[in-house]
Protein backbone atom coordinates (compact mmCIF):
# COMPACT_ATOMS: atom_id res chain seq x y z
CA MET A 1 86.04 155.52 107.19
CA LYS A 2 86.81 155.26 103.05
CA ASN A 3 90.46 154.67 103.69
CA ASN A 4 89.43 151.60 105.91
CA LEU A 5 86.95 150.46 103.28
CA LEU A 6 89.51 150.65 100.43
CA LEU A 7 92.28 148.87 102.49
CA THR A 8 89.97 146.26 103.71
CA ILE A 9 88.96 145.57 99.31
CA THR A 10 92.54 145.96 98.75
CA LEU A 11 93.66 143.10 101.25
CA LEU A 12 91.04 141.08 100.32
CA LEU A 13 91.91 141.35 96.69
CA LEU A 14 95.12 140.41 97.31
CA SER A 15 94.43 137.61 99.53
CA THR A 16 92.16 136.23 96.48
CA ALA A 17 95.10 136.53 94.26
CA ILE A 18 98.07 134.59 96.41
CA PHE A 19 95.44 132.04 97.09
CA SER A 20 94.09 131.19 93.38
CA GLN A 21 97.95 130.61 92.31
CA THR A 22 98.63 127.16 91.22
CA ALA A 23 101.77 125.43 90.62
CA LYS A 24 102.53 122.50 88.81
CA ILE A 25 104.72 119.89 87.43
CA THR A 26 104.60 118.86 83.61
CA THR A 27 107.07 116.34 81.85
CA ASP A 28 107.09 115.68 78.16
CA LYS A 29 105.83 111.91 78.91
CA GLU A 30 104.67 109.32 82.16
CA LYS A 31 107.31 106.46 80.71
CA TYR A 32 110.86 106.51 79.59
CA LYS A 33 113.80 103.97 78.60
CA PHE A 34 116.58 104.59 81.53
CA ASP A 35 118.81 105.86 78.56
CA GLU A 36 116.46 108.66 78.15
CA ILE A 37 116.73 112.77 79.08
CA ILE A 38 113.33 113.84 80.99
CA GLU A 39 112.66 117.31 80.39
CA VAL A 40 110.44 118.99 83.32
CA THR A 41 108.70 122.10 83.68
CA PHE A 42 107.86 123.57 86.77
CA ASP A 43 104.81 126.18 86.06
CA LEU A 44 103.26 128.78 88.56
CA ASN A 45 100.36 131.19 87.29
CA ALA A 46 101.49 133.75 89.07
CA LYS A 47 105.07 136.05 89.58
CA TYR A 48 107.14 134.83 92.55
CA ASP A 49 109.96 136.44 94.99
CA SER A 50 112.06 133.83 95.54
CA ILE A 51 111.96 129.77 94.66
CA ASP A 52 113.30 126.87 96.63
CA LEU A 53 113.99 123.92 94.29
CA PRO A 54 113.66 120.41 94.96
CA ASP A 55 116.81 118.06 95.33
CA PHE A 56 116.23 115.99 92.21
CA GLU A 57 116.70 112.87 94.32
CA GLY A 58 117.13 109.75 92.16
CA PHE A 59 118.42 112.24 88.98
CA LYS A 60 120.96 113.85 87.21
CA VAL A 61 121.13 117.44 86.13
CA ILE A 62 121.60 117.71 82.72
CA SER A 63 120.61 121.64 81.88
CA GLY A 64 119.17 124.15 83.27
CA PRO A 65 117.08 126.06 84.99
CA ASN A 66 115.78 127.15 81.59
CA LYS A 67 113.28 130.20 82.87
CA SER A 68 110.89 132.29 80.44
CA SER A 69 107.53 133.89 81.90
CA SER A 70 105.12 135.99 80.02
CA VAL A 71 102.24 137.96 80.60
CA SER A 72 98.84 138.24 79.03
CA ILE A 73 95.65 140.82 79.41
CA GLN A 74 92.72 139.93 78.93
CA ASN A 75 89.48 141.64 79.11
CA GLY A 76 91.34 144.03 81.38
CA GLU A 77 92.85 141.37 83.31
CA LYS A 78 96.68 140.73 84.02
CA THR A 79 97.79 137.54 83.76
CA VAL A 80 101.58 136.12 84.70
CA SER A 81 102.92 132.70 84.23
CA GLU A 82 106.59 132.03 85.06
CA SER A 83 108.33 128.30 84.09
CA THR A 84 111.55 126.95 84.75
CA THR A 85 112.45 124.12 82.68
CA TYR A 86 115.23 121.39 83.86
CA ARG A 87 116.90 118.12 81.96
CA LEU A 88 117.13 114.83 83.96
CA ARG A 89 119.09 111.82 83.34
CA PRO A 90 117.28 109.19 86.14
CA LEU A 91 119.64 107.51 88.31
CA GLU A 92 117.90 104.76 88.93
CA SER A 93 114.77 102.69 87.37
CA GLY A 94 111.37 102.24 88.78
CA TRP A 95 108.69 104.72 89.57
CA LEU A 96 110.63 107.92 90.44
CA LYS A 97 108.81 111.07 91.91
CA ILE A 98 109.90 114.88 90.58
CA ASN A 99 109.13 117.20 93.65
CA SER A 100 107.73 120.90 93.48
CA PRO A 101 109.61 123.59 93.73
CA ALA A 102 108.21 126.04 96.65
CA TYR A 103 107.17 129.27 95.36
CA PHE A 104 106.96 132.39 98.06
CA ILE A 105 105.15 135.05 96.95
CA ASP A 106 104.24 137.54 99.99
CA GLY A 107 105.16 135.72 102.65
CA LYS A 108 103.26 133.03 101.57
CA LYS A 109 104.65 129.68 99.91
CA ILE A 110 103.15 127.96 97.18
CA ARG A 111 103.91 124.27 96.16
CA GLY A 112 102.25 122.15 93.58
CA LYS A 113 101.88 118.05 93.74
CA SER A 114 104.61 115.72 92.65
CA ALA A 115 105.17 113.83 89.79
CA LYS A 116 105.72 110.30 89.38
CA ILE A 117 107.51 108.78 85.78
CA GLN A 118 107.78 105.26 85.53
CA VAL A 119 111.70 104.49 84.05
CA ASP A 120 112.09 101.65 82.50
CA PRO A 121 115.35 99.35 83.07
CA SER A 122 118.38 99.74 80.92
CA ASN A 123 119.36 97.14 78.28
CA LEU A 124 122.69 98.98 77.73
CA THR A 125 125.66 96.94 78.61
CA PRO A 126 127.81 99.14 81.43
CA ALA A 127 130.59 100.17 78.93
CA GLU A 128 127.78 101.48 76.69
CA LEU A 129 126.25 103.36 80.11
CA ARG A 130 130.12 104.81 80.72
CA GLU A 131 130.30 106.27 77.21
CA LYS A 132 127.05 107.72 77.35
CA GLU A 133 127.66 109.51 80.68
CA ILE A 134 131.41 110.57 79.21
CA GLN A 135 129.06 112.27 76.11
CA GLU A 136 126.59 113.86 78.05
CA PHE A 137 129.33 115.06 80.60
CA ILE A 138 131.41 116.72 76.91
CA GLU A 139 127.90 118.20 75.79
CA TYR A 140 126.63 119.72 78.36
CA GLY A 141 126.70 122.79 80.04
CA ILE A 142 126.14 121.53 83.77
CA LYS A 143 129.25 120.07 85.41
CA PRO A 144 129.91 119.07 88.94
CA LYS A 145 130.96 121.44 90.88
CA GLY A 146 134.74 121.50 91.14
CA THR A 147 135.31 120.56 87.00
CA THR A 148 138.48 121.98 85.68
CA LYS A 149 138.61 123.54 82.25
CA ILE A 150 141.41 124.69 80.69
CA ILE A 151 141.40 127.21 77.72
CA LEU A 152 144.54 127.12 75.51
CA HIS A 153 145.04 129.66 72.78
CA GLU A 154 148.58 129.62 71.20
CA ASN A 155 151.07 130.90 74.45
CA LYS A 156 148.34 131.91 76.47
CA ALA A 157 145.95 129.61 78.60
CA TYR A 158 144.17 130.41 81.77
CA MET A 159 141.87 127.75 84.10
CA GLU A 160 138.30 127.92 84.93
CA ILE A 161 136.57 125.95 87.59
CA PHE A 162 132.68 125.45 87.74
CA GLY A 163 131.24 126.36 91.00
CA GLU A 164 128.10 127.94 92.48
CA LEU A 165 127.62 130.52 89.22
CA GLY A 166 128.99 128.34 87.03
CA TRP A 167 132.50 128.73 85.12
CA GLU A 168 134.40 130.86 87.24
CA PHE A 169 138.01 131.90 86.56
CA HIS A 170 140.66 130.93 88.71
CA ARG A 171 144.17 131.75 87.19
CA ARG A 172 146.62 132.21 84.18
CA LEU A 173 149.02 129.30 83.33
CA THR A 174 152.74 129.31 83.63
CA PRO A 175 154.47 129.33 80.35
CA GLU A 176 155.98 126.02 81.32
CA GLU A 177 152.40 124.66 82.79
CA ILE A 178 151.43 125.90 78.69
CA GLU A 179 154.44 123.92 77.24
CA GLN A 180 153.56 120.56 79.30
CA ILE A 181 150.06 121.10 77.84
CA ILE A 182 150.92 121.54 74.35
CA LYS A 183 153.17 118.37 74.53
CA MET A 184 150.39 116.45 75.53
CA LYS A 185 148.41 117.16 72.24
């Protein structure tokens, strides 16, 4: 009898803890110029088992995910928070929606409300937009899948390709290829 009562109380506490979780999206502001970078943070006041991130339709991911978590204990109660931050560049103007990720905790799916932001049309020329895009490609760590990078030092060189897990070693370059690259400088 005591075991059943203890099990029932434990299940009630766990279900209360799961259903009291809230997911939210925050951006650094609500109105942007077309050439501004948007910082979006997904917060959940719990530790999740897995996450299904949104597809960021209408945006280009400049950097992220940057993850953080915190644990605090107040009056004997433990609070856990998980945050994931991305930097995005809009690909279009108007009212854009950023969907919440789906979090999974003990088989339960938790999703927050979507965030809507306003992006004003660009007043940059097409040449300025292209130059900005090239500069972002150079400066930020995330690259389109398939991007190739060659690392060259003196008479040694190798090639990496940006894939699912970031930069992945592809192969060493031959002495002939190294010579060709040196000639291009």
